[in-house]
PDB file of N, CA and C in Angstrom:
ATOM      1  N   MET A   1      79.158 -52.492  21.353  1.00  0.00           N
ATOM      2  CA  MET A   1      80.579 -52.273  21.494  1.00  0.00           C
ATOM      3  C   MET A   1      81.060 -51.170  20.546  1.00  0.00           C
ATOM      4  N   LYS A   2      80.530 -51.155  19.315  1.00  0.00           N
ATOM      5  CA  LYS A   2      80.919 -50.132  18.350  1.00  0.00           C
ATOM      6  C   LYS A   2      80.489 -48.746  18.823  1.00  0.00           C
ATOM      7  N   VAL A   3      79.319 -48.670  19.445  1.00  0.00           N
ATOM      8  CA  VAL A   3      78.824 -47.390  19.943  1.00  0.00           C
ATOM      9  C   VAL A   3      79.744 -46.876  21.054  1.00  0.00           C
ATOM     10  N   LEU A   4      80.135 -47.754  21.951  1.00  0.00           N
ATOM     11  CA  LEU A   4      81.030 -47.377  23.038  1.00  0.00           C
ATOM     12  C   LEU A   4      82.371 -46.903  22.489  1.00  0.00           C
ATOM     13  N   LEU A   5      82.894 -47.599  21.516  1.00  0.00           N
ATOM     14  CA  LEU A   5      84.157 -47.231  20.893  1.00  0.00           C
ATOM     15  C   LEU A   5      84.035 -45.858  20.209  1.00  0.00           C
ATOM     16  N   SER A   6      82.917 -45.617  19.558  1.00  0.00           N
ATOM     17  CA  SER A   6      82.684 -44.325  18.905  1.00  0.00           C
ATOM     18  C   SER A   6      82.632 -43.188  19.924  1.00  0.00           C
ATOM     19  N   ILE A   7      81.989 -43.434  21.046  1.00  0.00           N
ATOM     20  CA  ILE A   7      81.886 -42.419  22.097  1.00  0.00           C
ATOM     21  C   ILE A   7      83.266 -42.119  22.673  1.00  0.00           C
ATOM     22  N   VAL A   8      84.053 -43.147  22.916  1.00  0.00           N
ATOM     23  CA  VAL A   8      85.402 -42.966  23.451  1.00  0.00           C
ATOM     24  C   VAL A   8      86.251 -42.170  22.457  1.00  0.00           C
ATOM     25  N   MET A   9      86.168 -42.485  21.185  1.00  0.00           N
ATOM     26  CA  MET A   9      86.928 -41.767  20.154  1.00  0.00           C
ATOM     27  C   MET A   9      86.507 -40.299  20.100  1.00  0.00           C
ATOM     28  N   LEU A  10      85.220 -40.045  20.222  1.00  0.00           N
ATOM     29  CA  LEU A  10      84.713 -38.677  20.220  1.00  0.00           C
ATOM     30  C   LEU A  10      85.296 -37.879  21.381  1.00  0.00           C
ATOM     31  N   PHE A  11      85.300 -38.460  22.584  1.00  0.00           N
ATOM     32  CA  PHE A  11      85.866 -37.778  23.746  1.00  0.00           C
ATOM     33  C   PHE A  11      87.357 -37.528  23.582  1.00  0.00           C
ATOM     34  N   LEU A  12      88.080 -38.467  23.011  1.00  0.00           N
ATOM     35  CA  LEU A  12      89.510 -38.281  22.782  1.00  0.00           C
ATOM     36  C   LEU A  12      89.771 -37.132  21.814  1.00  0.00           C
ATOM     37  N   MET A  13      88.975 -37.062  20.766  1.00  0.00           N
ATOM     38  CA  MET A  13      89.121 -35.984  19.794  1.00  0.00           C
ATOM     39  C   MET A  13      88.814 -34.635  20.444  1.00  0.00           C
ATOM     40  N   MET A  14      87.808 -34.574  21.301  1.00  0.00           N
ATOM     41  CA  MET A  14      87.458 -33.331  21.986  1.00  0.00           C
ATOM     42  C   MET A  14      88.586 -32.907  22.920  1.00  0.00           C
ATOM     43  N   GLU A  15      89.194 -33.850  23.623  1.00  0.00           N
ATOM     44  CA  GLU A  15      90.301 -33.534  24.521  1.00  0.00           C
ATOM     45  C   GLU A  15      91.490 -32.993  23.747  1.00  0.00           C
ATOM     46  N   MET A  16      91.771 -33.551  22.582  1.00  0.00           N
ATOM     47  CA  MET A  16      92.883 -33.069  21.766  1.00  0.00           C
ATOM     48  C   MET A  16      92.629 -31.637  21.310  1.00  0.00           C
ATOM     49  N   THR A  17      91.411 -31.340  20.934  1.00  0.00           N
ATOM     50  CA  THR A  17      91.055 -29.989  20.495  1.00  0.00           C
ATOM     51  C   THR A  17      91.204 -29.004  21.643  1.00  0.00           C
ATOM     52  N   ILE A  18      90.740 -29.365  22.811  1.00  0.00           N
ATOM     53  CA  ILE A  18      90.851 -28.489  23.983  1.00  0.00           C
ATOM     54  C   ILE A  18      92.315 -28.267  24.332  1.00  0.00           C
ATOM     55  N   ALA A  19      93.134 -29.302  24.265  1.00  0.00           N
ATOM     56  CA  ALA A  19      94.562 -29.178  24.563  1.00  0.00           C
ATOM     57  C   ALA A  19      95.233 -28.236  23.577  1.00  0.00           C
ATOM     58  N   GLN A  20      94.867 -28.302  22.312  1.00  0.00           N
ATOM     59  CA  GLN A  20      95.457 -27.409  21.307  1.00  0.00           C
ATOM     60  C   GLN A  20      95.039 -25.969  21.557  1.00  0.00           C
ATOM     61  N   GLU A  21      93.786 -25.742  21.915  1.00  0.00           N
ATOM     62  CA  GLU A  21      93.299 -24.388  22.173  1.00  0.00           C
ATOM     63  C   GLU A  21      93.997 -23.768  23.378  1.00  0.00           C
ATOM     64  N   SER A  22      94.329 -24.572  24.387  1.00  0.00           N
ATOM     65  CA  SER A  22      94.965 -24.019  25.582  1.00  0.00           C
ATOM     66  C   SER A  22      96.390 -23.560  25.298  1.00  0.00           C
ATOM     67  N   ARG A  23      96.970 -23.987  24.175  1.00  0.00           N
ATOM     68  CA  ARG A  23      98.311 -23.566  23.812  1.00  0.00           C
ATOM     69  C   ARG A  23      98.301 -22.334  22.919  1.00  0.00           C
ATOM     70  N   THR A  24      97.164 -21.713  22.762  1.00  0.00           N
ATOM     71  CA  THR A  24      97.042 -20.554  21.881  1.00  0.00           C
ATOM     72  C   THR A  24      96.850 -19.288  22.701  1.00  0.00           C
ATOM     73  N   SER A  25      97.649 -18.278  22.372  1.00  0.00           N
ATOM     74  CA  SER A  25      97.479 -16.950  22.965  1.00  0.00           C
ATOM     75  C   SER A  25      96.954 -16.016  21.884  1.00  0.00           C
ATOM     76  N   THR A  26      96.267 -14.970  22.311  1.00  0.00           N
ATOM     77  CA  THR A  26      95.750 -13.973  21.379  1.00  0.00           C
ATOM     78  C   THR A  26      96.294 -12.607  21.770  1.00  0.00           C
ATOM     79  N   ALA A  27      96.756 -11.884  20.770  1.00  0.00           N
ATOM     80  CA  ALA A  27      97.255 -10.527  20.995  1.00  0.00           C
ATOM     81  C   ALA A  27      96.586  -9.590  20.003  1.00  0.00           C
ATOM     82  N   ILE A  28      96.338  -8.374  20.440  1.00  0.00           N
ATOM     83  CA  ILE A  28      95.831  -7.328  19.556  1.00  0.00           C
ATOM     84  C   ILE A  28      96.917  -6.263  19.487  1.00  0.00           C
ATOM     85  N   ILE A  29      97.416  -6.041  18.287  1.00  0.00           N
ATOM     86  CA  ILE A  29      98.538  -5.138  18.062  1.00  0.00           C
ATOM     87  C   ILE A  29      98.049  -3.928  17.261  1.00  0.00           C
ATOM     88  N   LYS A  30      98.308  -2.748  17.775  1.00  0.00           N
ATOM     89  CA  LYS A  30      97.957  -1.505  17.069  1.00  0.00           C
ATOM     90  C   LYS A  30      99.022  -1.265  16.002  1.00  0.00           C
ATOM     91  N   THR A  31      98.587  -1.080  14.756  1.00  0.00           N
ATOM     92  CA  THR A  31      99.521  -0.900  13.640  1.00  0.00           C
ATOM     93  C   THR A  31      99.360   0.472  13.010  1.00  0.00           C
ATOM     94  N   SER A  32     100.234   0.736  12.051  1.00  0.00           N
ATOM     95  CA  SER A  32     100.153   1.976  11.274  1.00  0.00           C
ATOM     96  C   SER A  32      99.646   1.691   9.860  1.00  0.00           C
ATOM     97  N   ALA A  33      98.965   0.560   9.676  1.00  0.00           N
ATOM     98  CA  ALA A  33      98.457   0.172   8.358  1.00  0.00           C
ATOM     99  C   ALA A  33      97.484   1.226   7.833  1.00  0.00           C
ATOM    100  N   GLU A  34      97.484   1.397   6.507  1.00  0.00           N
ATOM    101  CA  GLU A  34      96.694   2.454   5.879  1.00  0.00           C
ATOM    102  C   GLU A  34      95.568   1.944   4.972  1.00  0.00           C
ATOM    103  N   CYS A  35      95.805   0.843   4.257  1.00  0.00           N
ATOM    104  CA  CYS A  35      94.860   0.458   3.206  1.00  0.00           C
ATOM    105  C   CYS A  35      94.745  -1.070   3.081  1.00  0.00           C
ATOM    106  N   ASN A  36      93.965  -1.502   2.110  1.00  0.00           N
ATOM    107  CA  ASN A  36      93.753  -2.932   1.903  1.00  0.00           C
ATOM    108  C   ASN A  36      95.048  -3.641   1.496  1.00  0.00           C
ATOM    109  N   SER A  37      95.941  -2.947   0.798  1.00  0.00           N
ATOM    110  CA  SER A  37      97.235  -3.548   0.445  1.00  0.00           C
ATOM    111  C   SER A  37      98.039  -3.851   1.710  1.00  0.00           C
ATOM    112  N   CYS A  38      97.967  -2.957   2.682  1.00  0.00           N
ATOM    113  CA  CYS A  38      98.631  -3.185   3.972  1.00  0.00           C
ATOM    114  C   CYS A  38      98.045  -4.427   4.640  1.00  0.00           C
ATOM    115  N   LYS A  39      96.725  -4.514   4.612  1.00  0.00           N
ATOM    116  CA  LYS A  39      96.029  -5.649   5.218  1.00  0.00           C
ATOM    117  C   LYS A  39      96.513  -6.960   4.602  1.00  0.00           C
ATOM    118  N   VAL A  40      96.536  -7.024   3.282  1.00  0.00           N
ATOM    119  CA  VAL A  40      96.973  -8.241   2.583  1.00  0.00           C
ATOM    120  C   VAL A  40      98.433  -8.544   2.914  1.00  0.00           C
ATOM    121  N   ARG A  41      99.276  -7.523   2.882  1.00  0.00           N
ATOM    122  CA  ARG A  41     100.709  -7.701   3.132  1.00  0.00           C
ATOM    123  C   ARG A  41     100.954  -8.269   4.536  1.00  0.00           C
ATOM    124  N   LEU A  42     100.332  -7.667   5.558  1.00  0.00           N
ATOM    125  CA  LEU A  42     100.534  -8.120   6.931  1.00  0.00           C
ATOM    126  C   LEU A  42      99.939  -9.506   7.176  1.00  0.00           C
ATOM    127  N   GLU A  43      98.705  -9.711   6.718  1.00  0.00           N
ATOM    128  CA  GLU A  43      98.060 -11.008   6.932  1.00  0.00           C
ATOM    129  C   GLU A  43      98.826 -12.120   6.224  1.00  0.00           C
ATOM    130  N   ASP A  44      99.264 -11.876   4.997  1.00  0.00           N
ATOM    131  CA  ASP A  44     100.029 -12.898   4.269  1.00  0.00           C
ATOM    132  C   ASP A  44     101.332 -13.224   4.992  1.00  0.00           C
ATOM    133  N   LYS A  45     102.037 -12.197   5.429  1.00  0.00           N
ATOM    134  CA  LYS A  45     103.312 -12.413   6.116  1.00  0.00           C
ATOM    135  C   LYS A  45     103.117 -13.220   7.397  1.00  0.00           C
ATOM    136  N   LEU A  46     102.144 -12.830   8.200  1.00  0.00           N
ATOM    137  CA  LEU A  46     101.962 -13.481   9.493  1.00  0.00           C
ATOM    138  C   LEU A  46     101.291 -14.849   9.386  1.00  0.00           C
ATOM    139  N   ASN A  47     100.316 -14.986   8.505  1.00  0.00           N
ATOM    140  CA  ASN A  47      99.617 -16.264   8.406  1.00  0.00           C
ATOM    141  C   ASN A  47     100.503 -17.384   7.851  1.00  0.00           C
ATOM    142  N   TYR A  48     101.636 -17.016   7.270  1.00  0.00           N
ATOM    143  CA  TYR A  48     102.577 -18.021   6.776  1.00  0.00           C
ATOM    144  C   TYR A  48     103.840 -18.080   7.635  1.00  0.00           C
ATOM    145  N   THR A  49     103.736 -17.603   8.877  1.00  0.00           N
ATOM    146  CA  THR A  49     104.853 -17.640   9.822  1.00  0.00           C
ATOM    147  C   THR A  49     104.614 -18.779  10.811  1.00  0.00           C
ATOM    148  N   SER A  50     105.629 -19.579  11.019  1.00  0.00           N
ATOM    149  CA  SER A  50     105.530 -20.715  11.941  1.00  0.00           C
ATOM    150  C   SER A  50     105.178 -20.225  13.349  1.00  0.00           C
ATOM    151  N   GLY A  51     104.228 -20.890  13.968  1.00  0.00           N
ATOM    152  CA  GLY A  51     103.799 -20.549  15.315  1.00  0.00           C
ATOM    153  C   GLY A  51     102.576 -19.656  15.355  1.00  0.00           C
ATOM    154  N   ILE A  52     102.257 -19.032  14.222  1.00  0.00           N
ATOM    155  CA  ILE A  52     101.070 -18.172  14.150  1.00  0.00           C
ATOM    156  C   ILE A  52      99.943 -18.970  13.520  1.00  0.00           C
ATOM    157  N   LYS A  53      98.817 -19.022  14.223  1.00  0.00           N
ATOM    158  CA  LYS A  53      97.673 -19.787  13.756  1.00  0.00           C
ATOM    159  C   LYS A  53      96.708 -18.937  12.938  1.00  0.00           C
ATOM    160  N   PHE A  54      96.678 -17.623  13.242  1.00  0.00           N
ATOM    161  CA  PHE A  54      95.678 -16.754  12.605  1.00  0.00           C
ATOM    162  C   PHE A  54      96.107 -15.306  12.782  1.00  0.00           C
ATOM    163  N   ALA A  55      95.988 -14.521  11.741  1.00  0.00           N
ATOM    164  CA  ALA A  55      96.245 -13.078  11.830  1.00  0.00           C
ATOM    165  C   ALA A  55      95.235 -12.357  10.952  1.00  0.00           C
ATOM    166  N   GLU A  56      94.617 -11.318  11.512  1.00  0.00           N
ATOM    167  CA  GLU A  56      93.640 -10.532  10.752  1.00  0.00           C
ATOM    168  C   GLU A  56      93.732  -9.071  11.164  1.00  0.00           C
ATOM    169  N   LEU A  57      93.815  -8.207  10.174  1.00  0.00           N
ATOM    170  CA  LEU A  57      93.884  -6.766  10.402  1.00  0.00           C
ATOM    171  C   LEU A  57      92.526  -6.141  10.132  1.00  0.00           C
ATOM    172  N   THR A  58      92.067  -5.319  11.069  1.00  0.00           N
ATOM    173  CA  THR A  58      90.852  -4.536  10.891  1.00  0.00           C
ATOM    174  C   THR A  58      91.287  -3.112  10.578  1.00  0.00           C
ATOM    175  N   LEU A  59      91.019  -2.667   9.362  1.00  0.00           N
ATOM    176  CA  LEU A  59      91.508  -1.361   8.918  1.00  0.00           C
ATOM    177  C   LEU A  59      90.857  -0.190   9.646  1.00  0.00           C
ATOM    178  N   GLU A  60      89.602  -0.333  10.026  1.00  0.00           N
ATOM    179  CA  GLU A  60      88.894   0.771  10.677  1.00  0.00           C
ATOM    180  C   GLU A  60      89.625   1.245  11.933  1.00  0.00           C
ATOM    181  N   ASP A  61      90.142   0.317  12.725  1.00  0.00           N
ATOM    182  CA  ASP A  61      90.839   0.711  13.955  1.00  0.00           C
ATOM    183  C   ASP A  61      92.340   0.378  13.914  1.00  0.00           C
ATOM    184  N   LYS A  62      92.788  -0.190  12.780  1.00  0.00           N
ATOM    185  CA  LYS A  62      94.197  -0.545  12.567  1.00  0.00           C
ATOM    186  C   LYS A  62      94.709  -1.581  13.569  1.00  0.00           C
ATOM    187  N   ASN A  63      93.787  -2.389  14.109  1.00  0.00           N
ATOM    188  CA  ASN A  63      94.170  -3.431  15.059  1.00  0.00           C
ATOM    189  C   ASN A  63      94.416  -4.749  14.335  1.00  0.00           C
ATOM    190  N   LEU A  64      95.533  -5.359  14.669  1.00  0.00           N
ATOM    191  CA  LEU A  64      95.920  -6.649  14.117  1.00  0.00           C
ATOM    192  C   LEU A  64      95.712  -7.697  15.205  1.00  0.00           C
ATOM    193  N   THR A  65      94.779  -8.628  14.978  1.00  0.00           N
ATOM    194  CA  THR A  65      94.525  -9.704  15.924  1.00  0.00           C
ATOM    195  C   THR A  65      95.345 -10.910  15.498  1.00  0.00           C
ATOM    196  N   VAL A  66      96.145 -11.423  16.432  1.00  0.00           N
ATOM    197  CA  VAL A  66      97.026 -12.548  16.134  1.00  0.00           C
ATOM    198  C   VAL A  66      96.813 -13.639  17.177  1.00  0.00           C
ATOM    199  N   LYS A  67      96.531 -14.846  16.693  1.00  0.00           N
ATOM    200  CA  LYS A  67      96.466 -16.028  17.558  1.00  0.00           C
ATOM    201  C   LYS A  67      97.731 -16.825  17.279  1.00  0.00           C
ATOM    202  N   PHE A  68      98.451 -17.171  18.346  1.00  0.00           N
ATOM    203  CA  PHE A  68      99.746 -17.809  18.158  1.00  0.00           C
ATOM    204  C   PHE A  68     100.060 -18.779  19.284  1.00  0.00           C
ATOM    205  N   ASN A  69     101.027 -19.640  19.035  1.00  0.00           N
ATOM    206  CA  ASN A  69     101.509 -20.588  20.032  1.00  0.00           C
ATOM    207  C   ASN A  69     102.727 -19.963  20.707  1.00  0.00           C
ATOM    208  N   PRO A  70     102.607 -19.547  21.973  1.00  0.00           N
ATOM    209  CA  PRO A  70     103.719 -18.867  22.641  1.00  0.00           C
ATOM    210  C   PRO A  70     104.938 -19.766  22.875  1.00  0.00           C
ATOM    211  N   LYS A  71     104.776 -21.060  22.704  1.00  0.00           N
ATOM    212  CA  LYS A  71     105.928 -21.959  22.817  1.00  0.00           C
ATOM    213  C   LYS A  71     106.761 -21.943  21.537  1.00  0.00           C
ATOM    214  N   LYS A  72     106.166 -21.454  20.436  1.00  0.00           N
ATOM    215  CA  LYS A  72     106.866 -21.423  19.151  1.00  0.00           C
ATOM    216  C   LYS A  72     107.299 -20.028  18.737  1.00  0.00           C
ATOM    217  N   ILE A  73     106.547 -19.007  19.166  1.00  0.00           N
ATOM    218  CA  ILE A  73     106.870 -17.631  18.775  1.00  0.00           C
ATOM    219  C   ILE A  73     106.393 -16.688  19.874  1.00  0.00           C
ATOM    220  N   SER A  74     107.171 -15.650  20.131  1.00  0.00           N
ATOM    221  CA  SER A  74     106.817 -14.685  21.176  1.00  0.00           C
ATOM    222  C   SER A  74     106.108 -13.473  20.577  1.00  0.00           C
ATOM    223  N   LEU A  75     105.419 -12.750  21.438  1.00  0.00           N
ATOM    224  CA  LEU A  75     104.765 -11.516  21.003  1.00  0.00           C
ATOM    225  C   LEU A  75     105.814 -10.520  20.516  1.00  0.00           C
ATOM    226  N   ASP A  76     106.952 -10.456  21.189  1.00  0.00           N
ATOM    227  CA  ASP A  76     108.032  -9.567  20.746  1.00  0.00           C
ATOM    228  C   ASP A  76     108.475  -9.894  19.326  1.00  0.00           C
ATOM    229  N   LYS A  77     108.603 -11.169  19.016  1.00  0.00           N
ATOM    230  CA  LYS A  77     109.014 -11.598  17.671  1.00  0.00           C
ATOM    231  C   LYS A  77     107.945 -11.210  16.646  1.00  0.00           C
ATOM    232  N   ILE A  78     106.687 -11.362  16.997  1.00  0.00           N
ATOM    233  CA  ILE A  78     105.595 -10.984  16.087  1.00  0.00           C
ATOM    234  C   ILE A  78     105.643  -9.486  15.814  1.00  0.00           C
ATOM    235  N   GLN A  79     105.842  -8.688  16.855  1.00  0.00           N
ATOM    236  CA  GLN A  79     105.931  -7.242  16.683  1.00  0.00           C
ATOM    237  C   GLN A  79     107.134  -6.879  15.811  1.00  0.00           C
ATOM    238  N   LYS A  80     108.234  -7.593  15.969  1.00  0.00           N
ATOM    239  CA  LYS A  80     109.420  -7.341  15.145  1.00  0.00           C
ATOM    240  C   LYS A  80     109.135  -7.668  13.673  1.00  0.00           C
ATOM    241  N   ILE A  81     108.393  -8.743  13.421  1.00  0.00           N
ATOM    242  CA  ILE A  81     108.024  -9.101  12.044  1.00  0.00           C
ATOM    243  C   ILE A  81     107.171  -7.991  11.429  1.00  0.00           C
ATOM    244  N   VAL A  82     106.212  -7.479  12.200  1.00  0.00           N
ATOM    245  CA  VAL A  82     105.363  -6.382  11.716  1.00  0.00           C
ATOM    246  C   VAL A  82     106.233  -5.163  11.393  1.00  0.00           C
ATOM    247  N   SER A  83     107.169  -4.847  12.281  1.00  0.00           N
ATOM    248  CA  SER A  83     108.073  -3.721  12.064  1.00  0.00           C
ATOM    249  C   SER A  83     108.932  -3.924  10.822  1.00  0.00           C
ATOM    250  N   GLN A  84     109.455  -5.132  10.638  1.00  0.00           N
ATOM    251  CA  GLN A  84     110.298  -5.421   9.478  1.00  0.00           C
ATOM    252  C   GLN A  84     109.489  -5.418   8.181  1.00  0.00           C
ATOM    253  N   THR A  85     108.179  -5.559   8.292  1.00  0.00           N
ATOM    254  CA  THR A  85     107.309  -5.504   7.125  1.00  0.00           C
ATOM    255  C   THR A  85     107.022  -4.049   6.738  1.00  0.00           C
ATOM    256  N   GLY A  86     107.285  -3.123   7.675  1.00  0.00           N
ATOM    257  CA  GLY A  86     107.140  -1.699   7.360  1.00  0.00           C
ATOM    258  C   GLY A  86     106.081  -0.966   8.160  1.00  0.00           C
ATOM    259  N   TYR A  87     105.590  -1.578   9.229  1.00  0.00           N
ATOM    260  CA  TYR A  87     104.497  -0.988   9.996  1.00  0.00           C
ATOM    261  C   TYR A  87     104.839  -0.917  11.474  1.00  0.00           C
ATOM    262  N   ASP A  88     104.279   0.085  12.161  1.00  0.00           N
ATOM    263  CA  ASP A  88     104.396   0.151  13.613  1.00  0.00           C
ATOM    264  C   ASP A  88     103.627  -1.026  14.211  1.00  0.00           C
ATOM    265  N   ALA A  89     104.113  -1.500  15.342  1.00  0.00           N
ATOM    266  CA  ALA A  89     103.442  -2.581  16.069  1.00  0.00           C
ATOM    267  C   ALA A  89     103.457  -2.204  17.542  1.00  0.00           C
ATOM    268  N   ASP A  90     102.385  -1.573  18.010  1.00  0.00           N
ATOM    269  CA  ASP A  90     102.319  -1.025  19.367  1.00  0.00           C
ATOM    270  C   ASP A  90     103.472  -0.038  19.538  1.00  0.00           C
ATOM    271  N   ARG A  91     104.352  -0.281  20.493  1.00  0.00           N
ATOM    272  CA  ARG A  91     105.459   0.652  20.753  1.00  0.00           C
ATOM    273  C   ARG A  91     106.689   0.385  19.881  1.00  0.00           C
ATOM    274  N   VAL A  92     106.657  -0.653  19.082  1.00  0.00           N
ATOM    275  CA  VAL A  92     107.771  -0.970  18.188  1.00  0.00           C
ATOM    276  C   VAL A  92     107.542  -0.214  16.879  1.00  0.00           C
ATOM    277  N   THR A  93     108.438   0.697  16.567  1.00  0.00           N
ATOM    278  CA  THR A  93     108.258   1.506  15.360  1.00  0.00           C
ATOM    279  C   THR A  93     108.668   0.730  14.111  1.00  0.00           C
ATOM    280  N   ALA A  94     108.084   1.120  13.019  1.00  0.00           N
ATOM    281  CA  ALA A  94     108.360   0.482  11.729  1.00  0.00           C
ATOM    282  C   ALA A  94     109.819   0.674  11.346  1.00  0.00           C
ATOM    283  N   ASN A  95     110.397  -0.348  10.744  1.00  0.00           N
ATOM    284  CA  ASN A  95     111.759  -0.264  10.239  1.00  0.00           C
ATOM    285  C   ASN A  95     111.780   0.755   9.097  1.00  0.00           C
ATOM    286  N   PRO A  96     112.591   1.823   9.208  1.00  0.00           N
ATOM    287  CA  PRO A  96     112.588   2.890   8.187  1.00  0.00           C
ATOM    288  C   PRO A  96     112.893   2.394   6.773  1.00  0.00           C
ATOM    289  N   GLU A  97     113.813   1.452   6.641  1.00  0.00           N
ATOM    290  CA  GLU A  97     114.137   0.913   5.313  1.00  0.00           C
ATOM    291  C   GLU A  97     112.949   0.150   4.724  1.00  0.00           C
ATOM    292  N   SER A  98     112.229  -0.564   5.571  1.00  0.00           N
ATOM    293  CA  SER A  98     111.049  -1.303   5.102  1.00  0.00           C
ATOM    294  C   SER A  98     109.944  -0.352   4.681  1.00  0.00           C
ATOM    295  N   VAL A  99     109.784   0.752   5.411  1.00  0.00           N
ATOM    296  CA  VAL A  99     108.767   1.751   5.060  1.00  0.00           C
ATOM    297  C   VAL A  99     109.053   2.319   3.674  1.00  0.00           C
ATOM    298  N   LYS A 100     110.327   2.577   3.366  1.00  0.00           N
ATOM    299  CA  LYS A 100     110.704   3.116   2.055  1.00  0.00           C
ATOM    300  C   LYS A 100     110.314   2.178   0.919  1.00  0.00           C
ATOM    301  N   ASN A 101     110.281   0.871   1.213  1.00  0.00           N
ATOM    302  CA  ASN A 101     109.961  -0.119   0.181  1.00  0.00           C
ATOM    303  C   ASN A 101     108.460  -0.349   0.001  1.00  0.00           C
ATOM    304  N   LEU A 102     107.646   0.257   0.857  1.00  0.00           N
ATOM    305  CA  LEU A 102     106.193   0.116   0.733  1.00  0.00           C
ATOM    306  C   LEU A 102     105.675   0.986  -0.406  1.00  0.00           C
ATOM    307  N   PRO A 103     104.558   0.590  -1.026  1.00  0.00           N
ATOM    308  CA  PRO A 103     103.908   1.476  -1.998  1.00  0.00           C
ATOM    309  C   PRO A 103     103.493   2.780  -1.295  1.00  0.00           C
ATOM    310  N   ALA A 104     103.361   3.842  -2.042  1.00  0.00           N
ATOM    311  CA  ALA A 104     103.049   5.160  -1.480  1.00  0.00           C
ATOM    312  C   ALA A 104     101.792   5.131  -0.628  1.00  0.00           C
ATOM    313  N   CYS A 105     100.777   4.379  -1.039  1.00  0.00           N
ATOM    314  CA  CYS A 105      99.523   4.346  -0.284  1.00  0.00           C
ATOM    315  C   CYS A 105      99.682   3.681   1.066  1.00  0.00           C
ATOM    316  N   CYS A 106     100.705   2.857   1.232  1.00  0.00           N
ATOM    317  CA  CYS A 106     100.916   2.114   2.475  1.00  0.00           C
ATOM    318  C   CYS A 106     101.807   2.842   3.477  1.00  0.00           C
ATOM    319  N   ARG A 107     102.450   3.885   3.042  1.00  0.00           N
ATOM    320  CA  ARG A 107     103.316   4.648   3.956  1.00  0.00           C
ATOM    321  C   ARG A 107     102.453   5.499   4.881  1.00  0.00           C
ATOM    322  N   PRO A 108     102.998   5.885   6.035  1.00  0.00           N
ATOM    323  CA  PRO A 108     102.208   6.713   6.978  1.00  0.00           C
ATOM    324  C   PRO A 108     101.619   7.939   6.280  1.00  0.00           C
ATOM    325  N   GLY A 109     100.307   8.098   6.399  1.00  0.00           N
ATOM    326  CA  GLY A 109      99.590   9.201   5.763  1.00  0.00           C
ATOM    327  C   GLY A 109      99.371   9.008   4.282  1.00  0.00           C
ATOM    328  N   GLY A 110      99.718   7.867   3.741  1.00  0.00           N
ATOM    329  CA  GLY A 110      99.629   7.620   2.307  1.00  0.00           C
ATOM    330  C   GLY A 110      98.225   7.686   1.733  1.00  0.00           C
ATOM    331  N   MET A 111      97.237   7.341   2.506  1.00  0.00           N
ATOM    332  CA  MET A 111      95.853   7.373   2.020  1.00  0.00           C
ATOM    333  C   MET A 111      95.269   8.780   2.065  1.00  0.00           C
ATOM    334  N   GLN A 112      95.956   9.719   2.707  1.00  0.00           N
ATOM    335  CA  GLN A 112      95.459  11.089   2.805  1.00  0.00           C
ATOM    336  C   GLN A 112      95.964  11.948   1.663  1.00  0.00           C
ATOM    337  N   LYS A 113      96.890  11.431   0.857  1.00  0.00           N
ATOM    338  CA  LYS A 113      97.464  12.206  -0.253  1.00  0.00           C
ATOM    339  C   LYS A 113      96.612  12.162  -1.478  1.00  0.00           C
TER     340      LYS A 113
END
């Protein structure tokens, strides 16, 4: 009886995991990030935003991979957060005031100076 109960519990846990995964969308957002400080800034901002499960920036191609719950946050809202942080997000341009507040290395072309 204990074995049967354990098997049933295992299947229930697997179903819950599958249900949670089906509520997750993944987006890849092209950014204007320049350096490791940009990476930390964007990942910290997004990974602590409600509805976002995971955010990681790859500096080589400037792509930001975001896994999120579309019932809690939209892709448009995520792009707006990136813009308000000071970076381009696909076709959404960086907020100019936010760009001014970035360190010099994080501004567009900052790593080339």
